[in-house]
């Protein structure tokens, strides 16, 4: 049984309200959920406490046992800090080659500069 962390829609017409649930991947959207993990109200005021709530420990548990979040829930988990940010691919636009090195390519030689020095170039610390 594959478990997905996804939305289950509640609310009225033109007034969506979503529960974040752990459910079998073959179950219907609003069908039987294994566990309710939180909610998301897309129409709530941005500064409101009632925009989104999650049971962090239970979400971490489901992720640790292999549950896969849907794309929309994954964006919410990234905002909440429960998932690490995806790797950044520079130059990976349409038709362009990406600058991410693979294991087959030669890696540039280390010139002795520390990573802190490389990232601090052009930054001012007050």
PDB file of N, CA and C in Angstrom:
ATOM      1  N   UNK A   1       0.852  -1.170   0.000  1.00  0.00           N
ATOM      2  CA  UNK A   1       0.000   0.000   0.000  1.00  0.00           C
ATOM      3  C   UNK A   1       0.900   1.235   0.000  1.00  0.00           C
ATOM      4  N   UNK A   2       0.740   2.083  -1.011  1.00  0.00           N
ATOM      5  CA  UNK A   2       1.474   3.333  -1.103  1.00  0.00           C
ATOM      6  C   UNK A   2       0.669   4.429  -0.428  1.00  0.00           C
ATOM      7  N   UNK A   3       1.329   5.174   0.449  1.00  0.00           N
ATOM      8  CA  UNK A   3       0.650   6.237   1.194  1.00  0.00           C
ATOM      9  C   UNK A   3       1.066   7.579   0.620  1.00  0.00           C
ATOM     10  N   UNK A   4       0.091   8.446   0.390  1.00  0.00           N
ATOM     11  CA  UNK A   4       0.320   9.799  -0.094  1.00  0.00           C
ATOM     12  C   UNK A   4      -0.179  10.786   0.952  1.00  0.00           C
ATOM     13  N   UNK A   5       0.551  11.878   1.101  1.00  0.00           N
ATOM     14  CA  UNK A   5       0.075  12.992   1.924  1.00  0.00           C
ATOM     15  C   UNK A   5      -0.497  13.988   0.928  1.00  0.00           C
ATOM     16  N   UNK A   6      -1.788  14.234   1.008  1.00  0.00           N
ATOM     17  CA  UNK A   6      -2.452  15.053   0.001  1.00  0.00           C
ATOM     18  C   UNK A   6      -3.620  15.820   0.600  1.00  0.00           C
ATOM     19  N   UNK A   7      -4.291  16.608  -0.244  1.00  0.00           N
ATOM     20  CA  UNK A   7      -5.453  17.377   0.172  1.00  0.00           C
ATOM     21  C   UNK A   7      -6.720  16.559   0.049  1.00  0.00           C
ATOM     22  N   UNK A   8      -7.649  16.796   0.956  1.00  0.00           N
ATOM     23  CA  UNK A   8      -9.032  16.338   0.831  1.00  0.00           C
ATOM     24  C   UNK A   8      -9.874  17.605   0.891  1.00  0.00           C
ATOM     25  N   UNK A   9     -10.705  17.829  -0.124  1.00  0.00           N
ATOM     26  CA  UNK A   9     -11.433  19.088  -0.219  1.00  0.00           C
ATOM     27  C   UNK A   9     -12.709  19.070   0.613  1.00  0.00           C
ATOM     28  N   UNK A  10     -12.899  20.146   1.354  1.00  0.00           N
ATOM     29  CA  UNK A  10     -14.121  20.384   2.112  1.00  0.00           C
ATOM     30  C   UNK A  10     -14.561  21.801   1.775  1.00  0.00           C
ATOM     31  N   UNK A  11     -15.590  22.288   2.403  1.00  0.00           N
ATOM     32  CA  UNK A  11     -16.046  23.642   2.149  1.00  0.00           C
ATOM     33  C   UNK A  11     -17.220  23.647   1.196  1.00  0.00           C
ATOM     34  N   UNK A  12     -17.552  24.837   0.717  1.00  0.00           N
ATOM     35  CA  UNK A  12     -18.706  25.031  -0.152  1.00  0.00           C
ATOM     36  C   UNK A  12     -18.242  25.372  -1.562  1.00  0.00           C
ATOM     37  N   UNK A  13     -19.193  25.544  -2.457  1.00  0.00           N
ATOM     38  CA  UNK A  13     -18.892  25.963  -3.809  1.00  0.00           C
ATOM     39  C   UNK A  13     -18.233  27.337  -3.765  1.00  0.00           C
ATOM     40  N   UNK A  14     -17.134  27.495  -4.473  1.00  0.00           N
ATOM     41  CA  UNK A  14     -16.361  28.737  -4.532  1.00  0.00           C
ATOM     42  C   UNK A  14     -15.783  29.145  -3.185  1.00  0.00           C
ATOM     43  N   UNK A  15     -15.754  28.267  -2.231  1.00  0.00           N
ATOM     44  CA  UNK A  15     -15.172  28.543  -0.916  1.00  0.00           C
ATOM     45  C   UNK A  15     -14.429  27.282  -0.451  1.00  0.00           C
ATOM     46  N   UNK A  16     -13.265  26.979  -1.085  1.00  0.00           N
ATOM     47  CA  UNK A  16     -12.573  25.732  -0.759  1.00  0.00           C
ATOM     48  C   UNK A  16     -11.916  25.782   0.615  1.00  0.00           C
ATOM     49  N   UNK A  17     -11.826  24.621   1.215  1.00  0.00           N
ATOM     50  CA  UNK A  17     -11.138  24.404   2.481  1.00  0.00           C
ATOM     51  C   UNK A  17     -10.568  22.995   2.380  1.00  0.00           C
ATOM     52  N   UNK A  18      -9.303  22.823   2.686  1.00  0.00           N
ATOM     53  CA  UNK A  18      -8.660  21.530   2.488  1.00  0.00           C
ATOM     54  C   UNK A  18      -8.149  20.971   3.804  1.00  0.00           C
ATOM     55  N   UNK A  19      -8.309  19.671   3.971  1.00  0.00           N
ATOM     56  CA  UNK A  19      -7.632  18.954   5.044  1.00  0.00           C
ATOM     57  C   UNK A  19      -6.403  18.306   4.431  1.00  0.00           C
ATOM     58  N   UNK A  20      -5.323  18.287   5.165  1.00  0.00           N
ATOM     59  CA  UNK A  20      -4.117  17.591   4.743  1.00  0.00           C
ATOM     60  C   UNK A  20      -4.178  16.225   5.401  1.00  0.00           C
ATOM     61  N   UNK A  21      -4.214  15.180   4.568  1.00  0.00           N
ATOM     62  CA  UNK A  21      -4.441  13.830   5.081  1.00  0.00           C
ATOM     63  C   UNK A  21      -3.375  12.868   4.560  1.00  0.00           C
ATOM     64  N   UNK A  22      -3.174  11.807   5.296  1.00  0.00           N
ATOM     65  CA  UNK A  22      -2.396  10.665   4.829  1.00  0.00           C
ATOM     66  C   UNK A  22      -3.415   9.635   4.358  1.00  0.00           C
ATOM     67  N   UNK A  23      -3.318   9.240   3.084  1.00  0.00           N
ATOM     68  CA  UNK A  23      -4.312   8.333   2.513  1.00  0.00           C
ATOM     69  C   UNK A  23      -3.637   7.355   1.566  1.00  0.00           C
ATOM     70  N   UNK A  24      -4.299   6.239   1.342  1.00  0.00           N
ATOM     71  CA  UNK A  24      -3.851   5.281   0.346  1.00  0.00           C
ATOM     72  C   UNK A  24      -3.886   5.965  -1.015  1.00  0.00           C
ATOM     73  N   UNK A  25      -2.867   5.737  -1.833  1.00  0.00           N
ATOM     74  CA  UNK A  25      -2.780   6.431  -3.113  1.00  0.00           C
ATOM     75  C   UNK A  25      -3.916   6.063  -4.062  1.00  0.00           C
ATOM     76  N   UNK A  26      -4.560   4.930  -3.859  1.00  0.00           N
ATOM     77  CA  UNK A  26      -5.650   4.504  -4.736  1.00  0.00           C
ATOM     78  C   UNK A  26      -7.027   4.922  -4.229  1.00  0.00           C
ATOM     79  N   UNK A  27      -7.081   5.525  -3.055  1.00  0.00           N
ATOM     80  CA  UNK A  27      -8.355   5.990  -2.504  1.00  0.00           C
ATOM     81  C   UNK A  27      -8.779   7.268  -3.216  1.00  0.00           C
ATOM     82  N   UNK A  28     -10.074   7.546  -3.227  1.00  0.00           N
ATOM     83  CA  UNK A  28     -10.569   8.768  -3.850  1.00  0.00           C
ATOM     84  C   UNK A  28     -10.119   9.982  -3.059  1.00  0.00           C
ATOM     85  N   UNK A  29     -10.197  11.158  -3.678  1.00  0.00           N
ATOM     86  CA  UNK A  29      -9.706  12.388  -3.055  1.00  0.00           C
ATOM     87  C   UNK A  29     -10.340  12.633  -1.695  1.00  0.00           C
ATOM     88  N   UNK A  30     -11.653  12.490  -1.619  1.00  0.00           N
ATOM     89  CA  UNK A  30     -12.355  12.750  -0.369  1.00  0.00           C
ATOM     90  C   UNK A  30     -12.730  11.455   0.348  1.00  0.00           C
ATOM     91  N   UNK A  31     -12.135  10.353  -0.071  1.00  0.00           N
ATOM     92  CA  UNK A  31     -12.446   9.054   0.516  1.00  0.00           C
ATOM     93  C   UNK A  31     -11.780   8.857   1.863  1.00  0.00           C
ATOM     94  N   UNK A  32     -11.688   7.605   2.263  1.00  0.00           N
ATOM     95  CA  UNK A  32     -11.167   7.283   3.578  1.00  0.00           C
ATOM     96  C   UNK A  32      -9.707   7.660   3.739  1.00  0.00           C
ATOM     97  N   UNK A  33      -9.429   8.463   4.731  1.00  0.00           N
ATOM     98  CA  UNK A  33      -8.063   8.873   5.039  1.00  0.00           C
ATOM     99  C   UNK A  33      -7.543   8.023   6.195  1.00  0.00           C
ATOM    100  N   UNK A  34      -6.257   7.744   6.161  1.00  0.00           N
ATOM    101  CA  UNK A  34      -5.656   7.006   7.265  1.00  0.00           C
ATOM    102  C   UNK A  34      -5.536   7.894   8.502  1.00  0.00           C
ATOM    103  N   UNK A  35      -5.190   9.177   8.266  1.00  0.00           N
ATOM    104  CA  UNK A  35      -5.038  10.105   9.382  1.00  0.00           C
ATOM    105  C   UNK A  35      -5.147  11.538   8.867  1.00  0.00           C
ATOM    106  N   UNK A  36      -5.755  12.405   9.654  1.00  0.00           N
ATOM    107  CA  UNK A  36      -5.843  13.828   9.329  1.00  0.00           C
ATOM    108  C   UNK A  36      -4.622  14.510   9.953  1.00  0.00           C
ATOM    109  N   UNK A  37      -3.842  15.202   9.116  1.00  0.00           N
ATOM    110  CA  UNK A  37      -2.587  15.793   9.563  1.00  0.00           C
ATOM    111  C   UNK A  37      -2.648  17.302   9.737  1.00  0.00           C
ATOM    112  N   UNK A  38      -3.698  17.926   9.247  1.00  0.00           N
ATOM    113  CA  UNK A  38      -3.810  19.366   9.385  1.00  0.00           C
ATOM    114  C   UNK A  38      -4.832  19.915   8.421  1.00  0.00           C
ATOM    115  N   UNK A  39      -4.782  21.241   8.203  1.00  0.00           N
ATOM    116  CA  UNK A  39      -5.701  21.863   7.260  1.00  0.00           C
ATOM    117  C   UNK A  39      -5.016  23.020   6.564  1.00  0.00           C
ATOM    118  N   UNK A  40      -5.632  23.462   5.453  1.00  0.00           N
ATOM    119  CA  UNK A  40      -5.155  24.615   4.692  1.00  0.00           C
ATOM    120  C   UNK A  40      -6.367  25.351   4.159  1.00  0.00           C
ATOM    121  N   UNK A  41      -6.429  26.650   4.459  1.00  0.00           N
ATOM    122  CA  UNK A  41      -7.523  27.496   3.983  1.00  0.00           C
ATOM    123  C   UNK A  41      -6.936  28.536   3.036  1.00  0.00           C
ATOM    124  N   UNK A  42      -7.057  28.338   1.710  1.00  0.00           N
ATOM    125  CA  UNK A  42      -6.422  29.256   0.770  1.00  0.00           C
ATOM    126  C   UNK A  42      -7.052  30.640   0.737  1.00  0.00           C
ATOM    127  N   UNK A  43      -8.264  30.803   1.228  1.00  0.00           N
ATOM    128  CA  UNK A  43      -8.940  32.092   1.177  1.00  0.00           C
ATOM    129  C   UNK A  43      -8.829  32.892   2.467  1.00  0.00           C
ATOM    130  N   UNK A  44      -8.141  32.366   3.458  1.00  0.00           N
ATOM    131  CA  UNK A  44      -7.969  33.086   4.719  1.00  0.00           C
ATOM    132  C   UNK A  44      -7.017  34.260   4.510  1.00  0.00           C
ATOM    133  N   UNK A  45      -7.138  35.267   5.355  1.00  0.00           N
ATOM    134  CA  UNK A  45      -6.251  36.423   5.291  1.00  0.00           C
ATOM    135  C   UNK A  45      -4.826  35.950   5.583  1.00  0.00           C
ATOM    136  N   UNK A  46      -3.837  36.500   4.872  1.00  0.00           N
ATOM    137  CA  UNK A  46      -2.458  36.027   4.998  1.00  0.00           C
ATOM    138  C   UNK A  46      -1.903  36.099   6.409  1.00  0.00           C
ATOM    139  N   UNK A  47      -2.248  37.083   7.191  1.00  0.00           N
ATOM    140  CA  UNK A  47      -1.733  37.206   8.551  1.00  0.00           C
ATOM    141  C   UNK A  47      -2.509  36.395   9.577  1.00  0.00           C
ATOM    142  N   UNK A  48      -3.529  35.693   9.141  1.00  0.00           N
ATOM    143  CA  UNK A  48      -4.401  34.961  10.048  1.00  0.00           C
ATOM    144  C   UNK A  48      -3.722  33.699  10.575  1.00  0.00           C
ATOM    145  N   UNK A  49      -4.037  33.359  11.822  1.00  0.00           N
ATOM    146  CA  UNK A  49      -3.539  32.111  12.403  1.00  0.00           C
ATOM    147  C   UNK A  49      -4.264  30.903  11.822  1.00  0.00           C
ATOM    148  N   UNK A  50      -5.368  31.118  11.166  1.00  0.00           N
ATOM    149  CA  UNK A  50      -6.200  30.025  10.683  1.00  0.00           C
ATOM    150  C   UNK A  50      -5.952  29.712   9.204  1.00  0.00           C
ATOM    151  N   UNK A  51      -4.831  30.138   8.633  1.00  0.00           N
ATOM    152  CA  UNK A  51      -4.526  29.864   7.227  1.00  0.00           C
ATOM    153  C   UNK A  51      -4.087  28.416   7.038  1.00  0.00           C
ATOM    154  N   UNK A  52      -3.238  27.930   7.949  1.00  0.00           N
ATOM    155  CA  UNK A  52      -2.716  26.575   7.827  1.00  0.00           C
ATOM    156  C   UNK A  52      -2.307  26.073   9.203  1.00  0.00           C
ATOM    157  N   UNK A  53      -2.537  24.798   9.451  1.00  0.00           N
ATOM    158  CA  UNK A  53      -2.071  24.165  10.682  1.00  0.00           C
ATOM    159  C   UNK A  53      -1.653  22.747  10.348  1.00  0.00           C
ATOM    160  N   UNK A  54      -0.579  22.293  10.962  1.00  0.00           N
ATOM    161  CA  UNK A  54      -0.066  20.942  10.740  1.00  0.00           C
ATOM    162  C   UNK A  54       0.287  20.297  12.067  1.00  0.00           C
ATOM    163  N   UNK A  55       0.136  18.994  12.115  1.00  0.00           N
ATOM    164  CA  UNK A  55       0.644  18.209  13.239  1.00  0.00           C
ATOM    165  C   UNK A  55       2.053  17.771  12.832  1.00  0.00           C
ATOM    166  N   UNK A  56       3.048  18.575  13.221  1.00  0.00           N
ATOM    167  CA  UNK A  56       4.413  18.370  12.744  1.00  0.00           C
ATOM    168  C   UNK A  56       4.942  16.971  13.029  1.00  0.00           C
ATOM    169  N   UNK A  57       4.731  16.474  14.232  1.00  0.00           N
ATOM    170  CA  UNK A  57       5.260  15.160  14.594  1.00  0.00           C
ATOM    171  C   UNK A  57       4.659  14.054  13.729  1.00  0.00           C
ATOM    172  N   UNK A  58       3.359  14.142  13.466  1.00  0.00           N
ATOM    173  CA  UNK A  58       2.706  13.110  12.657  1.00  0.00           C
ATOM    174  C   UNK A  58       3.133  13.207  11.191  1.00  0.00           C
ATOM    175  N   UNK A  59       3.333  14.423  10.688  1.00  0.00           N
ATOM    176  CA  UNK A  59       3.809  14.573   9.309  1.00  0.00           C
ATOM    177  C   UNK A  59       5.209  13.983   9.193  1.00  0.00           C
ATOM    178  N   UNK A  60       6.073  14.277  10.172  1.00  0.00           N
ATOM    179  CA  UNK A  60       7.429  13.710  10.172  1.00  0.00           C
ATOM    180  C   UNK A  60       7.378  12.184  10.219  1.00  0.00           C
ATOM    181  N   UNK A  61       6.454  11.641  11.008  1.00  0.00           N
ATOM    182  CA  UNK A  61       6.311  10.191  11.095  1.00  0.00           C
ATOM    183  C   UNK A  61       5.956   9.601   9.735  1.00  0.00           C
ATOM    184  N   UNK A  62       4.952  10.174   9.070  1.00  0.00           N
ATOM    185  CA  UNK A  62       4.521   9.629   7.778  1.00  0.00           C
ATOM    186  C   UNK A  62       5.612   9.768   6.730  1.00  0.00           C
ATOM    187  N   UNK A  63       6.352  10.872   6.754  1.00  0.00           N
ATOM    188  CA  UNK A  63       7.457  11.016   5.811  1.00  0.00           C
ATOM    189  C   UNK A  63       8.565  10.001   6.097  1.00  0.00           C
ATOM    190  N   UNK A  64       8.792   9.702   7.376  1.00  0.00           N
ATOM    191  CA  UNK A  64       9.842   8.751   7.735  1.00  0.00           C
ATOM    192  C   UNK A  64       9.502   7.316   7.345  1.00  0.00           C
ATOM    193  N   UNK A  65       8.223   6.994   7.264  1.00  0.00           N
ATOM    194  CA  UNK A  65       7.843   5.634   6.870  1.00  0.00           C
ATOM    195  C   UNK A  65       7.600   5.521   5.371  1.00  0.00           C
ATOM    196  N   UNK A  66       7.898   6.587   4.612  1.00  0.00           N
ATOM    197  CA  UNK A  66       7.862   6.492   3.164  1.00  0.00           C
ATOM    198  C   UNK A  66       6.670   7.109   2.464  1.00  0.00           C
ATOM    199  N   UNK A  67       5.845   7.873   3.157  1.00  0.00           N
ATOM    200  CA  UNK A  67       4.714   8.522   2.505  1.00  0.00           C
ATOM    201  C   UNK A  67       5.235   9.614   1.573  1.00  0.00           C
ATOM    202  N   UNK A  68       4.634   9.718   0.393  1.00  0.00           N
ATOM    203  CA  UNK A  68       5.036  10.710  -0.594  1.00  0.00           C
ATOM    204  C   UNK A  68       4.038  11.858  -0.619  1.00  0.00           C
ATOM    205  N   UNK A  69       4.480  13.104  -0.441  1.00  0.00           N
ATOM    206  CA  UNK A  69       3.543  14.230  -0.513  1.00  0.00           C
ATOM    207  C   UNK A  69       3.193  14.548  -1.965  1.00  0.00           C
ATOM    208  N   UNK A  70       1.974  15.023  -2.182  1.00  0.00           N
ATOM    209  CA  UNK A  70       1.603  15.497  -3.507  1.00  0.00           C
ATOM    210  C   UNK A  70       2.366  16.797  -3.766  1.00  0.00           C
ATOM    211  N   UNK A  71       2.327  17.289  -5.013  1.00  0.00           N
ATOM    212  CA  UNK A  71       3.083  18.495  -5.350  1.00  0.00           C
ATOM    213  C   UNK A  71       2.605  19.700  -4.535  1.00  0.00           C
ATOM    214  N   UNK A  72       1.305  19.855  -4.415  1.00  0.00           N
ATOM    215  CA  UNK A  72       0.769  21.007  -3.671  1.00  0.00           C
ATOM    216  C   UNK A  72       1.122  20.919  -2.190  1.00  0.00           C
ATOM    217  N   UNK A  73       1.008  19.745  -1.610  1.00  0.00           N
ATOM    218  CA  UNK A  73       1.337  19.575  -0.191  1.00  0.00           C
ATOM    219  C   UNK A  73       2.841  19.724   0.007  1.00  0.00           C
ATOM    220  N   UNK A  74       3.620  19.293  -0.957  1.00  0.00           N
ATOM    221  CA  UNK A  74       5.070  19.439  -0.852  1.00  0.00           C
ATOM    222  C   UNK A  74       5.456  20.913  -0.760  1.00  0.00           C
ATOM    223  N   UNK A  75       4.797  21.785  -1.526  1.00  0.00           N
ATOM    224  CA  UNK A  75       5.064  23.221  -1.444  1.00  0.00           C
ATOM    225  C   UNK A  75       4.735  23.759  -0.052  1.00  0.00           C
ATOM    226  N   UNK A  76       3.635  23.286   0.541  1.00  0.00           N
ATOM    227  CA  UNK A  76       3.287  23.728   1.890  1.00  0.00           C
ATOM    228  C   UNK A  76       4.305  23.236   2.918  1.00  0.00           C
ATOM    229  N   UNK A  77       4.760  21.997   2.761  1.00  0.00           N
ATOM    230  CA  UNK A  77       5.743  21.449   3.697  1.00  0.00           C
ATOM    231  C   UNK A  77       7.085  22.163   3.566  1.00  0.00           C
ATOM    232  N   UNK A  78       7.421  22.605   2.358  1.00  0.00           N
ATOM    233  CA  UNK A  78       8.643  23.393   2.175  1.00  0.00           C
ATOM    234  C   UNK A  78       8.523  24.722   2.900  1.00  0.00           C
ATOM    235  N   UNK A  79       7.363  25.377   2.791  1.00  0.00           N
ATOM    236  CA  UNK A  79       7.137  26.650   3.483  1.00  0.00           C
ATOM    237  C   UNK A  79       7.162  26.476   4.994  1.00  0.00           C
ATOM    238  N   UNK A  80       6.675  25.330   5.466  1.00  0.00           N
ATOM    239  CA  UNK A  80       6.643  25.075   6.907  1.00  0.00           C
ATOM    240  C   UNK A  80       8.002  24.628   7.437  1.00  0.00           C
ATOM    241  N   UNK A  81       8.941  24.300   6.549  1.00  0.00           N
ATOM    242  CA  UNK A  81      10.270  23.894   6.969  1.00  0.00           C
ATOM    243  C   UNK A  81      10.402  22.423   7.283  1.00  0.00           C
ATOM    244  N   UNK A  82       9.443  21.604   6.874  1.00  0.00           N
ATOM    245  CA  UNK A  82       9.509  20.174   7.149  1.00  0.00           C
ATOM    246  C   UNK A  82      10.279  19.402   6.084  1.00  0.00           C
ATOM    247  N   UNK A  83      10.460  19.990   4.911  1.00  0.00           N
ATOM    248  CA  UNK A  83      11.228  19.359   3.843  1.00  0.00           C
ATOM    249  C   UNK A  83      12.402  20.259   3.495  1.00  0.00           C
ATOM    250  N   UNK A  84      13.535  19.662   3.115  1.00  0.00           N
ATOM    251  CA  UNK A  84      14.661  20.496   2.694  1.00  0.00           C
ATOM    252  C   UNK A  84      14.360  21.107   1.325  1.00  0.00           C
ATOM    253  N   UNK A  85      14.903  22.292   1.037  1.00  0.00           N
ATOM    254  CA  UNK A  85      14.648  22.899  -0.257  1.00  0.00           C
ATOM    255  C   UNK A  85      15.257  22.067  -1.380  1.00  0.00           C
ATOM    256  N   UNK A  86      14.636  22.079  -2.557  1.00  0.00           N
ATOM    257  CA  UNK A  86      15.176  21.303  -3.670  1.00  0.00           C
ATOM    258  C   UNK A  86      16.489  21.907  -4.146  1.00  0.00           C
ATOM    259  N   UNK A  87      17.359  21.105  -4.779  1.00  0.00           N
ATOM    260  CA  UNK A  87      18.623  21.647  -5.257  1.00  0.00           C
ATOM    261  C   UNK A  87      18.384  22.647  -6.381  1.00  0.00           C
ATOM    262  N   UNK A  88      19.216  23.677  -6.428  1.00  0.00           N
ATOM    263  CA  UNK A  88      19.085  24.718  -7.436  1.00  0.00           C
ATOM    264  C   UNK A  88      19.910  24.311  -8.654  1.00  0.00           C
ATOM    265  N   UNK A  89      19.291  24.355  -9.821  1.00  0.00           N
ATOM    266  CA  UNK A  89      19.971  24.022 -11.058  1.00  0.00           C
ATOM    267  C   UNK A  89      20.141  25.316 -11.837  1.00  0.00           C
ATOM    268  N   UNK A  90      21.383  25.750 -12.020  1.00  0.00           N
ATOM    269  CA  UNK A  90      21.654  26.990 -12.741  1.00  0.00           C
ATOM    270  C   UNK A  90      21.753  26.704 -14.231  1.00  0.00           C
ATOM    271  N   UNK A  91      21.125  27.544 -15.032  1.00  0.00           N
ATOM    272  CA  UNK A  91      21.218  27.404 -16.480  1.00  0.00           C
ATOM    273  C   UNK A  91      20.411  26.261 -17.037  1.00  0.00           C
ATOM    274  N   UNK A  92      19.443  25.767 -16.311  1.00  0.00           N
ATOM    275  CA  UNK A  92      18.662  24.630 -16.774  1.00  0.00           C
ATOM    276  C   UNK A  92      17.398  25.045 -17.484  1.00  0.00           C
ATOM    277  N   UNK A  93      17.414  26.182 -18.155  1.00  0.00           N
ATOM    278  CA  UNK A  93      16.231  26.669 -18.849  1.00  0.00           C
ATOM    279  C   UNK A  93      15.896  25.829 -20.069  1.00  0.00           C
ATOM    280  N   UNK A  94      14.820  26.170 -20.755  1.00  0.00           N
ATOM    281  CA  UNK A  94      14.423  25.415 -21.936  1.00  0.00           C
ATOM    282  C   UNK A  94      15.506  25.449 -23.001  1.00  0.00           C
ATOM    283  N   UNK A  95      15.937  24.296 -23.448  1.00  0.00           N
ATOM    284  CA  UNK A  95      16.939  24.203 -24.499  1.00  0.00           C
ATOM    285  C   UNK A  95      18.357  24.451 -24.040  1.00  0.00           C
ATOM    286  N   UNK A  96      18.555  24.826 -22.804  1.00  0.00           N
ATOM    287  CA  UNK A  96      19.892  25.116 -22.301  1.00  0.00           C
ATOM    288  C   UNK A  96      20.450  23.946 -21.525  1.00  0.00           C
ATOM    289  N   UNK A  97      21.754  23.896 -21.446  1.00  0.00           N
ATOM    290  CA  UNK A  97      22.401  22.828 -20.682  1.00  0.00           C
ATOM    291  C   UNK A  97      22.516  23.254 -19.233  1.00  0.00           C
ATOM    292  N   UNK A  98      22.340  22.329 -18.333  1.00  0.00           N
ATOM    293  CA  UNK A  98      22.460  22.664 -16.920  1.00  0.00           C
ATOM    294  C   UNK A  98      23.924  22.625 -16.507  1.00  0.00           C
ATOM    295  N   UNK A  99      24.239  23.344 -15.450  1.00  0.00           N
ATOM    296  CA  UNK A  99      25.620  23.396 -14.990  1.00  0.00           C
ATOM    297  C   UNK A  99      25.879  22.436 -13.837  1.00  0.00           C
ATOM    298  N   UNK A 100      24.966  21.519 -13.591  1.00  0.00           N
ATOM    299  CA  UNK A 100      25.153  20.543 -12.528  1.00  0.00           C
ATOM    300  C   UNK A 100      26.074  19.449 -13.051  1.00  0.00           C
ATOM    301  N   UNK A 101      27.181  19.228 -12.344  1.00  0.00           N
ATOM    302  CA  UNK A 101      28.170  18.239 -12.789  1.00  0.00           C
ATOM    303  C   UNK A 101      27.711  16.841 -12.413  1.00  0.00           C
ATOM    304  N   UNK A 102      27.914  15.907 -13.319  1.00  0.00           N
ATOM    305  CA  UNK A 102      27.603  14.507 -13.029  1.00  0.00           C
ATOM    306  C   UNK A 102      28.880  13.810 -12.612  1.00  0.00           C
ATOM    307  N   UNK A 103      28.768  12.577 -12.204  1.00  0.00           N
ATOM    308  CA  UNK A 103      29.932  11.847 -11.724  1.00  0.00           C
ATOM    309  C   UNK A 103      30.896  11.522 -12.863  1.00  0.00           C
ATOM    310  N   UNK A 104      30.456  11.531 -14.129  1.00  0.00           N
ATOM    311  CA  UNK A 104      31.319  11.214 -15.261  1.00  0.00           C
ATOM    312  C   UNK A 104      32.237  12.386 -15.603  1.00  0.00           C
ATOM    313  N   UNK A 105      31.777  13.614 -15.336  1.00  0.00           N
ATOM    314  CA  UNK A 105      32.539  14.794 -15.709  1.00  0.00           C
ATOM    315  C   UNK A 105      33.641  15.050 -14.691  1.00  0.00           C
ATOM    316  N   UNK A 106      34.681  15.729 -15.182  1.00  0.00           N
ATOM    317  CA  UNK A 106      35.760  16.094 -14.276  1.00  0.00           C
ATOM    318  C   UNK A 106      35.319  17.226 -13.371  1.00  0.00           C
ATOM    319  N   UNK A 107      35.698  17.139 -12.125  1.00  0.00           N
ATOM    320  CA  UNK A 107      35.393  18.181 -11.166  1.00  0.00           C
ATOM    321  C   UNK A 107      36.512  19.213 -11.217  1.00  0.00           C
ATOM    322  N   UNK A 108      36.210  20.514 -11.087  1.00  0.00           N
ATOM    323  CA  UNK A 108      37.266  21.524 -11.092  1.00  0.00           C
ATOM    324  C   UNK A 108      38.182  21.353  -9.888  1.00  0.00           C
ATOM    325  N   UNK A 109      39.455  21.683 -10.102  1.00  0.00           N
ATOM    326  CA  UNK A 109      40.435  21.542  -9.025  1.00  0.00           C
ATOM    327  C   UNK A 109      40.168  22.581  -7.954  1.00  0.00           C
ATOM    328  N   UNK A 110      40.389  22.193  -6.707  1.00  0.00           N
ATOM    329  CA  UNK A 110      40.191  23.090  -5.574  1.00  0.00           C
ATOM    330  C   UNK A 110      41.348  24.072  -5.536  1.00  0.00           C
ATOM    331  N   UNK A 111      41.065  25.365  -5.574  1.00  0.00           N
ATOM    332  CA  UNK A 111      42.112  26.379  -5.569  1.00  0.00           C
ATOM    333  C   UNK A 111      42.470  26.840  -4.158  1.00  0.00           C
ATOM    334  N   UNK A 112      41.968  26.167  -3.152  1.00  0.00           N
ATOM    335  CA  UNK A 112      42.323  26.488  -1.782  1.00  0.00           C
ATOM    336  C   UNK A 112      41.395  27.476  -1.108  1.00  0.00           C
ATOM    337  N   UNK A 113      40.409  28.009  -1.830  1.00  0.00           N
ATOM    338  CA  UNK A 113      39.476  28.958  -1.227  1.00  0.00           C
ATOM    339  C   UNK A 113      38.426  28.197  -0.439  1.00  0.00           C
ATOM    340  N   UNK A 114      38.124  28.686   0.738  1.00  0.00           N
ATOM    341  CA  UNK A 114      37.116  28.018   1.554  1.00  0.00           C
ATOM    342  C   UNK A 114      35.727  28.354   1.026  1.00  0.00           C
ATOM    343  N   UNK A 115      34.735  27.486   1.269  1.00  0.00           N
ATOM    344  CA  UNK A 115      33.367  27.775   0.831  1.00  0.00           C
ATOM    345  C   UNK A 115      32.820  29.057   1.438  1.00  0.00           C
ATOM    346  N   UNK A 116      33.227  29.373   2.674  1.00  0.00           N
ATOM    347  CA  UNK A 116      32.767  30.601   3.305  1.00  0.00           C
ATOM    348  C   UNK A 116      33.272  31.818   2.543  1.00  0.00           C
ATOM    349  N   UNK A 117      34.518  31.752   2.077  1.00  0.00           N
ATOM    350  CA  UNK A 117      35.090  32.868   1.340  1.00  0.00           C
ATOM    351  C   UNK A 117      34.406  33.030  -0.011  1.00  0.00           C
ATOM    352  N   UNK A 118      34.078  31.918  -0.646  1.00  0.00           N
ATOM    353  CA  UNK A 118      33.419  31.976  -1.950  1.00  0.00           C
ATOM    354  C   UNK A 118      32.041  32.600  -1.818  1.00  0.00           C
ATOM    355  N   UNK A 119      31.278  32.207  -0.810  1.00  0.00           N
ATOM    356  CA  UNK A 119      29.927  32.721  -0.647  1.00  0.00           C
ATOM    357  C   UNK A 119      29.897  34.137  -0.070  1.00  0.00           C
ATOM    358  N   UNK A 120      30.983  34.567   0.563  1.00  0.00           N
ATOM    359  CA  UNK A 120      30.969  35.897   1.160  1.00  0.00           C
ATOM    360  C   UNK A 120      31.425  36.984   0.194  1.00  0.00           C
ATOM    361  N   UNK A 121      31.841  36.603  -1.012  1.00  0.00           N
ATOM    362  CA  UNK A 121      32.286  37.594  -1.989  1.00  0.00           C
ATOM    363  C   UNK A 121      31.093  38.480  -2.363  1.00  0.00           C
ATOM    364  N   UNK A 122      31.271  39.752  -2.235  1.00  0.00           N
ATOM    365  CA  UNK A 122      30.230  40.704  -2.590  1.00  0.00           C
ATOM    366  C   UNK A 122      29.191  40.936  -1.518  1.00  0.00           C
ATOM    367  N   UNK A 123      29.285  40.270  -0.394  1.00  0.00           N
ATOM    368  CA  UNK A 123      28.343  40.479   0.692  1.00  0.00           C
ATOM    369  C   UNK A 123      28.954  41.385   1.737  1.00  0.00           C
ATOM    370  N   UNK A 124      28.158  42.272   2.274  1.00  0.00           N
ATOM    371  CA  UNK A 124      28.650  43.153   3.316  1.00  0.00           C
ATOM    372  C   UNK A 124      28.008  42.751   4.640  1.00  0.00           C
ATOM    373  N   UNK A 125      28.823  42.619   5.640  1.00  0.00           N
ATOM    374  CA  UNK A 125      28.338  42.261   6.971  1.00  0.00           C
ATOM    375  C   UNK A 125      28.408  43.501   7.841  1.00  0.00           C
ATOM    376  N   UNK A 126      27.283  43.879   8.407  1.00  0.00           N
ATOM    377  CA  UNK A 126      27.245  45.078   9.262  1.00  0.00           C
ATOM    378  C   UNK A 126      27.358  44.708  10.703  1.00  0.00           C
TER     379      UNK A 126
END
